[in-house]
Amino acid sequence: MRRRPLPPPHGRLLLTGLALLSVAAAAAIGIWLQFGEREAMDTRYRAGEAAPDRVDIEASVQRVDAAARELTLRVLVTPRGNLAEAGGIFPAETLTLQTSSSIRRDLTYPAHSRIATVDVPVTLTSGSITDYPFDAYDAALEFSAVQGDEPVPVRMTLSNTDALFSATVDASEADGAAVFHAALVRSTSVLIFAVFMMAAMWALALSVLIGAWFLITRRKGLTWPALGWMAATLFALAAFRNTAPGTPPIGSLLDYVAFLWAETLIAFCVITVVVMGMRREAALSAAPPTP
């Protein structure tokens, strides 16, 4: 038996160098993408007046619930200057934050009482979760303040801390109110993983199809290890699909592009291999023994 000749030393070194270079390039791209997402999450959007006597509002998007079509906004209010007592801990008079219609209620802080953070639900407009992973949503935020029946200046800062979504925000001021329009889309990491999932589902389904074609054309009969692998792939894909970030419901774009087709193809292959294998085994059993 002839042994295959080994590649020359310089060829092995070249292949090793190319492999290491590919790994380094992939790692560099990953670090660059992560840095971009981190920079986007650290971005602060500001609107409003920087008057000495004002109300500062720190708001951050804590979680986007696409299925419920709402986001959770964490709000911290700090009165400044003559509007505050004890360095901004207490409002000098009853303070009311008036909000837009997408926020369910106004926020009222009694005079001489400590102000604490509060989580506020905000209704999302447009978009549908069935477009996952390419779904997009809008949120309109507007905050103005009234203290002692008089409007007071507002300065607001908005940020996003939900790693599953990236936000593009337009900030402006209108009649003393801070106005934000936020456009929310899936983050780059979620988008990449979802596209990888769709590609992997199709790759596994085509692998099962090739295996089934080999078993049928070679008339292998009931090959139990191969059937076990095919059946395991059928159920593994369902578990794999449920790991999609954001837990999209059945019927999303992910399912219609890859998951449902992959499951159908694999199930068809398993059934076909079993039927053809049974026919082959029956034919072998009915054949007269070879003398």
C-alpha atoms as a PDB file:
ATOM      1  CA  MET A   1       0.000   0.000   0.000  1.00  0.00           C
ATOM      2  CA  ARG A   2       1.429   3.308  -1.110  1.00  0.00           C
ATOM      3  CA  ARG A   3       1.526   6.125   1.414  1.00  0.00           C
ATOM      4  CA  ARG A   4       0.519   9.587   0.331  1.00  0.00           C
ATOM      5  CA  PRO A   5       3.534  11.882   0.236  1.00  0.00           C
ATOM      6  CA  LEU A   6       3.592  14.555   2.918  1.00  0.00           C
ATOM      7  CA  PRO A   7       3.485  18.185   1.782  1.00  0.00           C
ATOM      8  CA  PRO A   8       6.855  19.940   1.806  1.00  0.00           C
ATOM      9  CA  PRO A   9       7.818  21.801   4.998  1.00  0.00           C
ATOM     10  CA  HIS A  10       7.387  25.218   3.419  1.00  0.00           C
ATOM     11  CA  GLY A  11       3.860  24.215   2.291  1.00  0.00           C
ATOM     12  CA  ARG A  12       2.916  23.187   5.841  1.00  0.00           C
ATOM     13  CA  LEU A  13       4.275  26.457   7.188  1.00  0.00           C
ATOM     14  CA  LEU A  14       2.265  28.393   4.609  1.00  0.00           C
ATOM     15  CA  LEU A  15      -0.954  26.564   5.519  1.00  0.00           C
ATOM     16  CA  THR A  16      -0.329  27.115   9.229  1.00  0.00           C
ATOM     17  CA  GLY A  17       0.348  30.792   8.647  1.00  0.00           C
ATOM     18  CA  LEU A  18      -2.835  31.192   6.604  1.00  0.00           C
ATOM     19  CA  ALA A  19      -4.847  29.429   9.309  1.00  0.00           C
ATOM     20  CA  LEU A  20      -3.440  31.651  12.052  1.00  0.00           C
ATOM     21  CA  LEU A  21      -4.020  34.731   9.897  1.00  0.00           C
ATOM     22  CA  SER A  22      -7.654  33.709   9.330  1.00  0.00           C
ATOM     23  CA  VAL A  23      -8.203  33.207  13.060  1.00  0.00           C
ATOM     24  CA  ALA A  24      -6.619  36.586  13.826  1.00  0.00           C
ATOM     25  CA  ALA A  25      -8.751  38.305  11.170  1.00  0.00           C
ATOM     26  CA  ALA A  26     -11.940  36.713  12.514  1.00  0.00           C
ATOM     27  CA  ALA A  27     -11.049  37.752  16.065  1.00  0.00           C
ATOM     28  CA  ALA A  28     -10.265  41.301  14.921  1.00  0.00           C
ATOM     29  CA  ILE A  29     -13.612  41.575  13.115  1.00  0.00           C
ATOM     30  CA  GLY A  30     -15.396  40.280  16.214  1.00  0.00           C
ATOM     31  CA  ILE A  31     -13.640  42.811  18.459  1.00  0.00           C
ATOM     32  CA  TRP A  32     -14.481  45.604  16.011  1.00  0.00           C
ATOM     33  CA  LEU A  33     -18.166  44.627  15.951  1.00  0.00           C
ATOM     34  CA  GLN A  34     -18.305  44.369  19.745  1.00  0.00           C
ATOM     35  CA  PHE A  35     -16.629  47.743  20.136  1.00  0.00           C
ATOM     36  CA  GLY A  36     -19.180  49.292  17.783  1.00  0.00           C
ATOM     37  CA  GLU A  37     -22.092  47.869  19.798  1.00  0.00           C
ATOM     38  CA  ARG A  38     -20.518  48.990  23.069  1.00  0.00           C
ATOM     39  CA  GLU A  39     -19.981  52.496  21.700  1.00  0.00           C
ATOM     40  CA  ALA A  40     -23.618  52.638  20.542  1.00  0.00           C
ATOM     41  CA  MET A  41     -24.847  51.609  24.011  1.00  0.00           C
ATOM     42  CA  ASP A  42     -22.656  54.260  25.642  1.00  0.00           C
ATOM     43  CA  THR A  43     -24.157  57.004  23.460  1.00  0.00           C
ATOM     44  CA  ARG A  44     -26.231  59.614  25.300  1.00  0.00           C
ATOM     45  CA  TYR A  45     -28.849  61.737  23.520  1.00  0.00           C
ATOM     46  CA  ARG A  46     -29.698  65.109  25.087  1.00  0.00           C
ATOM     47  CA  ALA A  47     -32.457  67.652  24.635  1.00  0.00           C
ATOM     48  CA  GLY A  48     -33.718  70.650  26.607  1.00  0.00           C
ATOM     49  CA  GLU A  49     -32.436  73.794  28.270  1.00  0.00           C
ATOM     50  CA  ALA A  50     -29.408  74.046  30.548  1.00  0.00           C
ATOM     51  CA  ALA A  51     -30.954  76.775  32.744  1.00  0.00           C
ATOM     52  CA  PRO A  52     -29.781  77.107  36.379  1.00  0.00           C
ATOM     53  CA  ASP A  53     -33.315  76.368  37.655  1.00  0.00           C
ATOM     54  CA  ARG A  54     -34.391  73.288  35.752  1.00  0.00           C
ATOM     55  CA  VAL A  55     -35.391  69.638  36.014  1.00  0.00           C
ATOM     56  CA  ASP A  56     -32.848  67.031  34.901  1.00  0.00           C
ATOM     57  CA  ILE A  57     -34.234  63.731  33.619  1.00  0.00           C
ATOM     58  CA  GLU A  58     -32.033  60.671  33.170  1.00  0.00           C
ATOM     59  CA  ALA A  59     -33.886  58.010  31.153  1.00  0.00           C
ATOM     60  CA  SER A  60     -32.601  54.668  29.895  1.00  0.00           C
ATOM     61  CA  VAL A  61     -34.230  51.919  27.860  1.00  0.00           C
ATOM     62  CA  GLN A  62     -34.008  48.851  30.075  1.00  0.00           C
ATOM     63  CA  ARG A  63     -35.828  46.277  27.980  1.00  0.00           C
ATOM     64  CA  VAL A  64     -37.679  46.128  24.689  1.00  0.00           C
ATOM     65  CA  ASP A  65     -40.557  43.617  24.657  1.00  0.00           C
ATOM     66  CA  ALA A  66     -41.365  43.225  20.983  1.00  0.00           C
ATOM     67  CA  ALA A  67     -44.111  40.662  21.617  1.00  0.00           C
ATOM     68  CA  ALA A  68     -45.958  43.055  23.958  1.00  0.00           C
ATOM     69  CA  ARG A  69     -45.040  46.032  21.735  1.00  0.00           C
ATOM     70  CA  GLU A  70     -43.644  48.102  24.579  1.00  0.00           C
ATOM     71  CA  LEU A  71     -40.343  49.105  26.131  1.00  0.00           C
ATOM     72  CA  THR A  72     -39.457  49.710  29.756  1.00  0.00           C
ATOM     73  CA  LEU A  73     -37.988  53.156  30.409  1.00  0.00           C
ATOM     74  CA  ARG A  74     -36.184  53.800  33.711  1.00  0.00           C
ATOM     75  CA  VAL A  75     -36.531  57.443  34.726  1.00  0.00           C
ATOM     76  CA  LEU A  76     -34.616  59.406  37.363  1.00  0.00           C
ATOM     77  CA  VAL A  77     -35.688  63.011  38.003  1.00  0.00           C
ATOM     78  CA  THR A  78     -33.461  65.600  39.704  1.00  0.00           C
ATOM     79  CA  PRO A  79     -34.612  69.188  40.302  1.00  0.00           C
ATOM     80  CA  ARG A  80     -31.884  71.828  40.185  1.00  0.00           C
ATOM     81  CA  GLY A  81     -31.388  75.338  41.555  1.00  0.00           C
ATOM     82  CA  ASN A  82     -34.375  76.947  43.278  1.00  0.00           C
ATOM     83  CA  LEU A  83     -36.603  74.034  42.257  1.00  0.00           C
ATOM     84  CA  ALA A  84     -34.856  71.704  44.703  1.00  0.00           C
ATOM     85  CA  GLU A  85     -34.079  71.207  48.359  1.00  0.00           C
ATOM     86  CA  ALA A  86     -31.152  69.322  49.893  1.00  0.00           C
ATOM     87  CA  GLY A  87     -29.023  69.336  46.743  1.00  0.00           C
ATOM     88  CA  GLY A  88     -31.662  67.995  44.387  1.00  0.00           C
ATOM     89  CA  ILE A  89     -32.991  65.174  46.556  1.00  0.00           C
ATOM     90  CA  PHE A  90     -36.360  66.806  47.298  1.00  0.00           C
ATOM     91  CA  PRO A  91     -38.511  69.088  45.101  1.00  0.00           C
ATOM     92  CA  ALA A  92     -39.318  72.421  46.729  1.00  0.00           C
ATOM     93  CA  GLU A  93     -42.922  72.146  45.490  1.00  0.00           C
ATOM     94  CA  THR A  94     -44.994  69.367  43.984  1.00  0.00           C
ATOM     95  CA  LEU A  95     -43.370  68.427  40.690  1.00  0.00           C
ATOM     96  CA  THR A  96     -45.264  66.840  37.801  1.00  0.00           C
ATOM     97  CA  LEU A  97     -43.718  65.411  34.666  1.00  0.00           C
ATOM     98  CA  GLN A  98     -46.139  65.554  31.765  1.00  0.00           C
ATOM     99  CA  THR A  99     -45.498  62.841  29.178  1.00  0.00           C
ATOM    100  CA  SER A 100     -46.550  61.916  25.664  1.00  0.00           C
ATOM    101  CA  SER A 101     -49.532  59.699  24.835  1.00  0.00           C
ATOM    102  CA  SER A 102     -47.285  56.641  24.319  1.00  0.00           C
ATOM    103  CA  ILE A 103     -46.461  56.729  28.049  1.00  0.00           C
ATOM    104  CA  ARG A 104     -49.349  55.520  30.168  1.00  0.00           C
ATOM    105  CA  ARG A 105     -49.261  58.126  32.904  1.00  0.00           C
ATOM    106  CA  ASP A 106     -47.728  61.362  34.100  1.00  0.00           C
ATOM    107  CA  LEU A 107     -45.237  61.261  36.971  1.00  0.00           C
ATOM    108  CA  THR A 108     -45.934  63.255  40.139  1.00  0.00           C
ATOM    109  CA  TYR A 109     -43.441  63.864  42.940  1.00  0.00           C
ATOM    110  CA  PRO A 110     -44.787  65.431  46.163  1.00  0.00           C
ATOM    111  CA  ALA A 111     -43.007  68.416  47.685  1.00  0.00           C
ATOM    112  CA  HIS A 112     -40.316  67.716  50.286  1.00  0.00           C
ATOM    113  CA  SER A 113     -40.305  63.976  49.403  1.00  0.00           C
ATOM    114  CA  ARG A 114     -37.377  61.930  48.204  1.00  0.00           C
ATOM    115  CA  ILE A 115     -37.321  61.210  44.471  1.00  0.00           C
ATOM    116  CA  ALA A 116     -36.554  57.634  43.425  1.00  0.00           C
ATOM    117  CA  THR A 117     -36.136  55.964  40.045  1.00  0.00           C
ATOM    118  CA  VAL A 118     -39.278  54.598  38.411  1.00  0.00           C
ATOM    119  CA  ASP A 119     -39.822  52.187  35.523  1.00  0.00           C
ATOM    120  CA  VAL A 120     -42.329  53.450  32.966  1.00  0.00           C
ATOM    121  CA  PRO A 121     -43.856  51.355  30.134  1.00  0.00           C
ATOM    122  CA  VAL A 122     -43.804  53.012  26.715  1.00  0.00           C
ATOM    123  CA  THR A 123     -45.917  51.812  23.789  1.00  0.00           C
ATOM    124  CA  LEU A 124     -44.087  50.976  20.565  1.00  0.00           C
ATOM    125  CA  THR A 125     -45.483  51.989  17.206  1.00  0.00           C
ATOM    126  CA  SER A 126     -45.097  50.336  13.792  1.00  0.00           C
ATOM    127  CA  GLY A 127     -43.159  47.128  13.218  1.00  0.00           C
ATOM    128  CA  SER A 128     -44.098  43.483  13.780  1.00  0.00           C
ATOM    129  CA  ILE A 129     -42.233  40.750  15.645  1.00  0.00           C
ATOM    130  CA  THR A 130     -43.060  38.319  12.828  1.00  0.00           C
ATOM    131  CA  ASP A 131     -40.438  40.167  10.752  1.00  0.00           C
ATOM    132  CA  TYR A 132     -37.741  38.799  13.107  1.00  0.00           C
ATOM    133  CA  PRO A 133     -34.762  39.254  12.821  1.00  0.00           C
ATOM    134  CA  PHE A 134     -35.386  42.296  10.598  1.00  0.00           C
ATOM    135  CA  ASP A 135     -38.185  43.793  12.710  1.00  0.00           C
ATOM    136  CA  ALA A 136     -38.016  47.499  13.592  1.00  0.00           C
ATOM    137  CA  TYR A 137     -40.034  49.697  15.944  1.00  0.00           C
ATOM    138  CA  ASP A 138     -40.558  53.368  16.779  1.00  0.00           C
ATOM    139  CA  ALA A 139     -41.104  55.066  20.115  1.00  0.00           C
ATOM    140  CA  ALA A 140     -42.104  58.692  20.712  1.00  0.00           C
ATOM    141  CA  LEU A 141     -41.054  60.235  24.032  1.00  0.00           C
ATOM    142  CA  GLU A 142     -41.917  63.715  25.257  1.00  0.00           C
ATOM    143  CA  PHE A 143     -41.329  65.130  28.741  1.00  0.00           C
ATOM    144  CA  SER A 144     -42.219  68.524  30.150  1.00  0.00           C
ATOM    145  CA  ALA A 145     -42.363  69.658  33.799  1.00  0.00           C
ATOM    146  CA  VAL A 146     -44.724  71.709  35.923  1.00  0.00           C
ATOM    147  CA  GLN A 147     -43.938  72.851  39.470  1.00  0.00           C
ATOM    148  CA  GLY A 148     -46.300  75.007  41.464  1.00  0.00           C
ATOM    149  CA  ASP A 149     -48.670  75.327  38.475  1.00  0.00           C
ATOM    150  CA  GLU A 150     -45.845  76.913  36.475  1.00  0.00           C
ATOM    151  CA  PRO A 151     -43.926  75.263  33.603  1.00  0.00           C
ATOM    152  CA  VAL A 152     -40.229  74.830  34.316  1.00  0.00           C
ATOM    153  CA  PRO A 153     -37.296  74.080  31.959  1.00  0.00           C
ATOM    154  CA  VAL A 154     -36.388  70.458  31.313  1.00  0.00           C
ATOM    155  CA  ARG A 155     -33.087  68.902  30.267  1.00  0.00           C
ATOM    156  CA  MET A 156     -33.298  65.197  29.429  1.00  0.00           C
ATOM    157  CA  THR A 157     -30.732  62.514  28.624  1.00  0.00           C
ATOM    158  CA  LEU A 158     -31.744  59.247  26.923  1.00  0.00           C
ATOM    159  CA  SER A 159     -29.660  56.074  26.584  1.00  0.00           C
ATOM    160  CA  ASN A 160     -30.186  52.434  25.627  1.00  0.00           C
ATOM    161  CA  THR A 161     -29.063  49.493  27.773  1.00  0.00           C
ATOM    162  CA  ASP A 162     -30.901  46.654  25.995  1.00  0.00           C
ATOM    163  CA  ALA A 163     -28.189  44.578  24.295  1.00  0.00           C
ATOM    164  CA  LEU A 164     -30.708  42.922  21.946  1.00  0.00           C
ATOM    165  CA  PHE A 165     -31.668  46.205  20.277  1.00  0.00           C
ATOM    166  CA  SER A 166     -29.828  49.197  18.885  1.00  0.00           C
ATOM    167  CA  ALA A 167     -31.420  52.636  18.937  1.00  0.00           C
ATOM    168  CA  THR A 168     -31.186  55.605  16.618  1.00  0.00           C
ATOM    169  CA  VAL A 169     -32.560  58.696  18.350  1.00  0.00           C
ATOM    170  CA  ASP A 170     -33.564  62.136  17.122  1.00  0.00           C
ATOM    171  CA  ALA A 171     -33.567  64.634  20.019  1.00  0.00           C
ATOM    172  CA  SER A 172     -35.161  68.076  19.937  1.00  0.00           C
ATOM    173  CA  GLU A 173     -36.899  70.688  22.078  1.00  0.00           C
ATOM    174  CA  ALA A 174     -40.435  71.988  21.565  1.00  0.00           C
ATOM    175  CA  ASP A 175     -42.066  74.642  23.807  1.00  0.00           C
ATOM    176  CA  GLY A 176     -39.878  73.778  26.765  1.00  0.00           C
ATOM    177  CA  ALA A 177     -40.392  70.011  26.412  1.00  0.00           C
ATOM    178  CA  ALA A 178     -37.708  67.426  25.597  1.00  0.00           C
ATOM    179  CA  VAL A 179     -38.784  65.378  22.569  1.00  0.00           C
ATOM    180  CA  PHE A 180     -37.190  62.128  21.419  1.00  0.00           C
ATOM    181  CA  HIS A 181     -38.026  59.878  18.488  1.00  0.00           C
ATOM    182  CA  ALA A 182     -36.325  56.487  18.859  1.00  0.00           C
ATOM    183  CA  ALA A 183     -36.002  53.947  16.050  1.00  0.00           C
ATOM    184  CA  LEU A 184     -35.256  50.469  17.423  1.00  0.00           C
ATOM    185  CA  VAL A 185     -33.823  47.569  15.405  1.00  0.00           C
ATOM    186  CA  ARG A 186     -32.156  44.301  16.340  1.00  0.00           C
ATOM    187  CA  SER A 187     -28.541  44.681  17.340  1.00  0.00           C
ATOM    188  CA  THR A 188     -25.761  43.546  15.024  1.00  0.00           C
ATOM    189  CA  SER A 189     -24.950  40.507  17.179  1.00  0.00           C
ATOM    190  CA  VAL A 190     -28.590  39.338  17.137  1.00  0.00           C
ATOM    191  CA  LEU A 191     -28.799  39.849  13.378  1.00  0.00           C
ATOM    192  CA  ILE A 192     -25.582  37.918  12.725  1.00  0.00           C
ATOM    193  CA  PHE A 193     -26.636  35.034  14.980  1.00  0.00           C
ATOM    194  CA  ALA A 194     -30.104  34.822  13.420  1.00  0.00           C
ATOM    195  CA  VAL A 195     -28.664  34.746   9.885  1.00  0.00           C
ATOM    196  CA  PHE A 196     -26.195  32.076  11.020  1.00  0.00           C
ATOM    197  CA  MET A 197     -29.094  30.040  12.427  1.00  0.00           C
ATOM    198  CA  MET A 198     -30.928  30.153   9.104  1.00  0.00           C
ATOM    199  CA  ALA A 199     -27.792  29.131   7.195  1.00  0.00           C
ATOM    200  CA  ALA A 200     -27.070  26.308   9.673  1.00  0.00           C
ATOM    201  CA  MET A 201     -30.636  24.982   9.400  1.00  0.00           C
ATOM    202  CA  TRP A 202     -30.391  24.780   5.636  1.00  0.00           C
ATOM    203  CA  ALA A 203     -26.919  23.207   5.835  1.00  0.00           C
ATOM    204  CA  LEU A 204     -28.139  20.489   8.208  1.00  0.00           C
ATOM    205  CA  ALA A 205     -31.218  19.822   6.096  1.00  0.00           C
ATOM    206  CA  LEU A 206     -29.125  19.478   2.925  1.00  0.00           C
ATOM    207  CA  SER A 207     -26.705  17.183   4.792  1.00  0.00           C
ATOM    208  CA  VAL A 208     -29.588  14.890   5.721  1.00  0.00           C
ATOM    209  CA  LEU A 209     -30.848  15.012   2.119  1.00  0.00           C
ATOM    210  CA  ILE A 210     -27.421  13.957   0.808  1.00  0.00           C
ATOM    211  CA  GLY A 211     -27.240  11.146   3.364  1.00  0.00           C
ATOM    212  CA  ALA A 212     -30.711   9.935   2.428  1.00  0.00           C
ATOM    213  CA  TRP A 213     -29.835  10.000  -1.270  1.00  0.00           C
ATOM    214  CA  PHE A 214     -26.725   7.919  -0.583  1.00  0.00           C
ATOM    215  CA  LEU A 215     -28.670   5.313   1.424  1.00  0.00           C
ATOM    216  CA  ILE A 216     -31.409   4.985  -1.193  1.00  0.00           C
ATOM    217  CA  THR A 217     -29.213   4.897  -4.293  1.00  0.00           C
ATOM    218  CA  ARG A 218     -26.785   2.411  -2.711  1.00  0.00           C
ATOM    219  CA  ARG A 219     -29.720   0.259  -1.544  1.00  0.00           C
ATOM    220  CA  LYS A 220     -28.390   0.109   2.007  1.00  0.00           C
ATOM    221  CA  GLY A 221     -31.612  -1.016   3.669  1.00  0.00           C
ATOM    222  CA  LEU A 222     -32.382   0.005   7.241  1.00  0.00           C
ATOM    223  CA  THR A 223     -29.126   1.562   8.453  1.00  0.00           C
ATOM    224  CA  TRP A 224     -29.957   2.346  12.059  1.00  0.00           C
ATOM    225  CA  PRO A 225     -27.025   4.665  12.902  1.00  0.00           C
ATOM    226  CA  ALA A 226     -27.877   6.861   9.911  1.00  0.00           C
ATOM    227  CA  LEU A 227     -31.577   6.871  10.801  1.00  0.00           C
ATOM    228  CA  GLY A 228     -30.713   7.801  14.398  1.00  0.00           C
ATOM    229  CA  TRP A 229     -28.619  10.737  13.175  1.00  0.00           C
ATOM    230  CA  MET A 230     -31.413  11.955  10.896  1.00  0.00           C
ATOM    231  CA  ALA A 231     -34.070  11.712  13.607  1.00  0.00           C
ATOM    232  CA  ALA A 232     -31.782  13.440  16.128  1.00  0.00           C
ATOM    233  CA  THR A 233     -31.237  16.281  13.656  1.00  0.00           C
ATOM    234  CA  LEU A 234     -34.997  16.653  13.271  1.00  0.00           C
ATOM    235  CA  PHE A 235     -35.501  17.241  16.999  1.00  0.00           C
ATOM    236  CA  ALA A 236     -32.241  19.122  17.530  1.00  0.00           C
ATOM    237  CA  LEU A 237     -33.294  21.785  15.045  1.00  0.00           C
ATOM    238  CA  ALA A 238     -36.388  22.559  17.133  1.00  0.00           C
ATOM    239  CA  ALA A 239     -34.247  23.079  20.238  1.00  0.00           C
ATOM    240  CA  PHE A 240     -31.750  25.111  18.217  1.00  0.00           C
ATOM    241  CA  ARG A 241     -34.523  27.348  16.905  1.00  0.00           C
ATOM    242  CA  ASN A 242     -35.694  28.085  20.454  1.00  0.00           C
ATOM    243  CA  THR A 243     -32.272  29.565  21.297  1.00  0.00           C
ATOM    244  CA  ALA A 244     -32.912  32.523  18.962  1.00  0.00           C
ATOM    245  CA  PRO A 245     -32.248  35.747  20.931  1.00  0.00           C
ATOM    246  CA  GLY A 246     -35.462  37.524  21.869  1.00  0.00           C
ATOM    247  CA  THR A 247     -37.536  34.292  21.676  1.00  0.00           C
ATOM    248  CA  PRO A 248     -39.494  35.112  18.497  1.00  0.00           C
ATOM    249  CA  PRO A 249     -42.856  33.337  18.166  1.00  0.00           C
ATOM    250  CA  ILE A 250     -43.561  30.611  15.646  1.00  0.00           C
ATOM    251  CA  GLY A 251     -44.494  32.193  12.338  1.00  0.00           C
ATOM    252  CA  SER A 252     -41.677  34.707  12.151  1.00  0.00           C
ATOM    253  CA  LEU A 253     -39.528  35.290   9.080  1.00  0.00           C
ATOM    254  CA  LEU A 254     -36.880  32.986  10.576  1.00  0.00           C
ATOM    255  CA  ASP A 255     -39.353  30.084  10.388  1.00  0.00           C
ATOM    256  CA  TYR A 256     -40.594  30.722   6.869  1.00  0.00           C
ATOM    257  CA  VAL A 257     -37.113  31.256   5.442  1.00  0.00           C
ATOM    258  CA  ALA A 258     -35.377  28.272   7.065  1.00  0.00           C
ATOM    259  CA  PHE A 259     -36.808  26.418  10.065  1.00  0.00           C
ATOM    260  CA  LEU A 260     -40.103  25.083   8.696  1.00  0.00           C
ATOM    261  CA  TRP A 261     -38.545  24.090   5.365  1.00  0.00           C
ATOM    262  CA  ALA A 262     -35.604  22.369   7.075  1.00  0.00           C
ATOM    263  CA  GLU A 263     -37.895  20.400   9.388  1.00  0.00           C
ATOM    264  CA  THR A 264     -40.115  19.372   6.471  1.00  0.00           C
ATOM    265  CA  LEU A 265     -37.166  18.263   4.353  1.00  0.00           C
ATOM    266  CA  ILE A 266     -35.573  16.251   7.169  1.00  0.00           C
ATOM    267  CA  ALA A 267     -38.870  14.559   8.084  1.00  0.00           C
ATOM    268  CA  PHE A 268     -39.438  13.669   4.416  1.00  0.00           C
ATOM    269  CA  CYS A 269     -35.927  12.193   4.183  1.00  0.00           C
ATOM    270  CA  VAL A 270     -36.379  10.075   7.318  1.00  0.00           C
ATOM    271  CA  ILE A 271     -39.718   8.695   6.145  1.00  0.00           C
ATOM    272  CA  THR A 272     -38.395   7.995   2.633  1.00  0.00           C
ATOM    273  CA  VAL A 273     -35.298   6.192   3.913  1.00  0.00           C
ATOM    274  CA  VAL A 274     -37.401   4.047   6.260  1.00  0.00           C
ATOM    275  CA  VAL A 275     -39.882   3.092   3.528  1.00  0.00           C
ATOM    276  CA  MET A 276     -37.194   2.304   0.972  1.00  0.00           C
ATOM    277  CA  GLY A 277     -35.138   0.502   3.587  1.00  0.00           C
ATOM    278  CA  MET A 278     -38.091  -1.685   4.544  1.00  0.00           C
ATOM    279  CA  ARG A 279     -38.625  -2.609   0.901  1.00  0.00           C
ATOM    280  CA  ARG A 280     -34.941  -3.457   0.542  1.00  0.00           C
ATOM    281  CA  GLU A 281     -34.935  -5.579   3.709  1.00  0.00           C
ATOM    282  CA  ALA A 282     -38.096  -7.374   2.567  1.00  0.00           C
ATOM    283  CA  ALA A 283     -36.540  -8.109  -0.825  1.00  0.00           C
ATOM    284  CA  LEU A 284     -33.410  -9.504   0.826  1.00  0.00           C
ATOM    285  CA  SER A 285     -35.511 -11.705   3.124  1.00  0.00           C
ATOM    286  CA  ALA A 286     -37.562 -13.061   0.233  1.00  0.00           C
ATOM    287  CA  ALA A 287     -34.520 -13.827  -1.930  1.00  0.00           C
ATOM    288  CA  PRO A 288     -33.442 -17.531  -2.015  1.00  0.00           C
ATOM    289  CA  PRO A 289     -30.243 -18.254  -0.102  1.00  0.00           C
ATOM    290  CA  THR A 290     -27.068 -18.291  -2.140  1.00  0.00           C
ATOM    291  CA  PRO A 291     -25.704 -21.828  -2.486  1.00  0.00           C
END
